[in-house]
Protein backbone atom coordinates (compact mmCIF):
# COMPACT_ATOMS: atom_id res chain seq x y z
CA MET A 1 281.96 129.93 -163.93
CA SER A 2 282.97 127.86 -160.96
CA LYS A 3 285.76 125.38 -160.82
CA TYR A 4 283.90 122.13 -161.25
CA ILE A 5 281.41 123.51 -163.76
CA ASP A 6 284.38 124.67 -165.79
CA LEU A 7 286.05 121.35 -165.46
CA LEU A 8 282.95 119.49 -166.72
CA THR A 9 282.44 122.04 -169.49
CA LYS A 10 286.01 121.63 -170.79
CA PHE A 11 285.58 117.89 -170.74
CA VAL A 12 282.43 118.16 -172.89
CA ASP A 13 283.93 120.77 -175.23
CA ALA A 14 286.93 118.56 -176.00
CA ARG A 15 286.95 117.36 -179.60
CA PRO A 16 285.56 113.84 -179.96
CA GLY A 17 288.41 112.47 -182.08
CA LEU A 18 286.28 110.41 -184.39
CA CYS A 19 288.26 108.31 -186.84
CA PHE A 20 286.76 108.06 -190.35
CA ALA A 21 288.48 104.65 -190.83
CA ASP A 22 286.28 103.24 -188.15
CA TYR A 23 283.22 104.00 -190.33
CA GLY A 24 284.29 103.63 -193.88
CA ASP A 25 281.05 105.30 -195.03
CA ARG A 26 280.77 109.06 -195.26
CA LYS A 27 277.02 109.02 -194.48
CA ILE A 28 277.37 106.97 -191.31
CA TYR A 29 280.34 109.04 -190.21
CA PHE A 30 278.49 112.33 -190.53
CA ARG A 31 275.41 110.98 -188.86
CA GLU A 32 277.58 109.94 -185.89
CA MET A 33 279.11 113.45 -185.79
CA ARG A 34 275.71 115.05 -185.67
CA GLU A 35 274.71 112.80 -182.81
CA ILE A 36 277.90 113.74 -180.88
CA THR A 37 277.22 117.40 -181.59
CA ASN A 38 273.58 117.04 -180.33
CA ASP A 39 275.00 115.43 -177.16
CA ARG A 40 276.90 118.62 -176.51
CA GLY A 41 273.64 120.67 -176.95
CA ASP A 42 271.98 118.30 -174.43
CA PHE A 43 274.76 119.03 -172.00
CA TYR A 44 274.29 122.77 -172.14
CA GLU A 45 270.62 122.44 -171.85
CA LEU A 46 270.93 120.23 -168.75
CA LEU A 47 273.51 122.64 -167.37
CA ARG A 48 271.12 125.60 -167.63
CA LEU A 49 268.34 123.56 -165.99
CA ALA A 50 270.63 122.46 -163.13
CA TYR A 51 271.72 126.06 -162.68
CA ARG A 52 268.07 127.24 -162.54
CA LEU A 53 267.34 124.65 -159.92
CA THR A 54 270.34 125.24 -157.64
CA GLY A 55 270.11 129.03 -158.21
CA ASP A 56 273.78 129.55 -157.64
CA SER A 57 276.92 128.55 -159.60
CA GLU A 58 278.93 127.96 -156.49
CA LYS A 59 276.24 125.66 -155.13
CA LEU A 60 275.98 123.83 -158.60
CA SER A 61 279.75 123.54 -158.73
CA GLU A 62 279.87 121.97 -155.21
CA THR A 63 277.07 119.64 -156.14
CA ILE A 64 278.88 118.45 -159.27
CA LYS A 65 282.08 117.91 -157.18
CA ASN A 66 280.23 115.88 -154.59
CA HIS A 67 278.47 113.83 -157.20
CA LEU A 68 281.68 113.08 -159.10
CA GLU A 69 283.62 112.15 -155.99
CA LYS A 70 280.96 109.72 -154.87
CA SER A 71 279.97 108.39 -158.30
CA SER A 72 280.53 104.77 -159.29
CA ASP A 73 279.77 105.72 -162.94
CA ARG A 74 282.46 105.93 -165.56
CA LEU A 75 282.99 109.67 -165.00
CA THR A 76 284.56 110.43 -161.68
CA LEU A 77 286.72 113.03 -159.99
CA SER A 78 290.06 111.99 -158.83
CA GLY A 79 291.82 114.78 -157.00
CA GLU A 80 291.34 117.85 -159.26
CA LYS A 81 291.01 115.84 -162.56
CA LEU A 82 288.10 114.15 -164.20
CA GLN A 83 288.65 110.50 -165.02
CA TYR A 84 286.61 108.75 -167.63
CA ILE A 85 286.66 104.99 -168.26
CA THR A 86 285.74 104.23 -171.76
CA GLY A 87 283.14 101.55 -172.38
CA GLN A 88 283.40 100.82 -176.11
CA TYR A 89 284.08 104.03 -178.15
CA TYR A 90 285.04 107.22 -176.31
CA PRO A 91 283.89 109.74 -178.98
CA THR A 92 280.25 108.61 -178.77
CA GLU A 93 279.97 108.18 -174.94
CA TYR A 94 281.89 110.81 -173.04
CA ARG A 95 279.39 113.65 -173.59
CA PRO A 96 276.37 111.49 -172.51
CA ALA A 97 278.41 110.60 -169.34
CA ALA A 98 278.59 114.30 -168.50
CA CYS A 99 274.90 114.60 -169.28
CA ARG A 100 274.05 111.82 -166.88
CA VAL A 101 275.83 113.75 -164.11
CA LEU A 102 273.69 116.73 -164.68
CA SER A 103 270.46 114.77 -165.08
CA ARG A 104 271.04 113.11 -161.72
CA ILE A 105 271.68 116.53 -160.16
CA VAL A 106 268.43 117.90 -161.71
CA TRP A 107 266.51 114.81 -160.47
CA VAL A 108 267.83 115.09 -156.87
CA GLU A 109 267.25 118.85 -156.71
CA LEU A 110 263.58 118.30 -157.67
CA MET A 111 263.21 115.33 -155.40
CA ASN A 112 264.51 117.37 -152.48
CA GLU A 113 262.38 120.42 -153.14
CA ARG A 114 260.10 121.10 -150.11
CA LYS A 115 256.95 123.13 -149.51
CA ALA A 116 256.77 125.62 -146.63
CA ASP A 117 255.42 122.90 -144.28
CA GLY A 118 258.36 120.63 -145.00
CA SER A 119 256.54 118.09 -147.17
CA PRO A 120 257.92 117.24 -150.57
CA VAL A 121 256.69 119.26 -153.60
CA TYR A 122 256.95 116.14 -155.88
CA GLU A 123 255.97 112.81 -154.41
CA THR A 124 256.43 110.52 -157.41
CA GLY A 125 258.85 110.14 -160.32
CA THR A 126 255.96 110.99 -162.69
CA GLN A 127 255.50 114.35 -160.92
CA ILE A 128 259.24 115.05 -161.18
CA ARG A 129 259.22 114.21 -164.89
CA SER A 130 256.28 116.51 -165.42
CA ALA A 131 258.18 119.31 -163.64
CA ILE A 132 261.18 118.71 -165.92
CA LYS A 133 258.94 118.90 -169.00
CA ARG A 134 257.37 122.14 -167.74
CA ALA A 135 260.93 123.51 -167.28
CA GLY A 136 261.13 123.60 -171.05
CA ILE A 137 263.66 120.87 -171.68
CA SER A 138 263.79 119.55 -175.23
CA HIS A 139 262.12 116.32 -176.14
CA ARG A 140 265.49 114.78 -177.13
CA ALA A 141 267.15 115.54 -173.74
CA PHE A 142 264.07 114.45 -171.89
CA ARG A 143 263.90 111.13 -173.76
CA ASN A 144 267.58 110.45 -173.38
CA TYR A 145 268.07 111.30 -169.67
CA PHE A 146 264.65 111.31 -167.81
CA ASN A 147 262.56 108.68 -169.61
């Protein structure tokens, strides 16, 4: 894997650090844990799609780097380190932040796809969403990041 893909992957793979005392109810706590685990699955699904669209891990790594450096979102690149600014509760939001990075990359890659004559392959957001669905993305990831 390339440097910035690896950096983002390590960020997502970090343990969430949920505190049971914040929940007080076993059922709610484990439901939250399942959601956080599903967010990790979404990340890897979006990573595979982004890799397929860019076609090269070096290009994808560079795209991730450029996006994170120019981003005004909560997840940014500062030097060689990822910085995340927590909104309300870090364990539930850090993985979706990484997913948003990849979903934007997927969207831009499809938006910039060109036919042989130079015209865009997809002219509307609806066409881009249809292409994403055809790429085999799960209903959950589609709903969370492209709806």
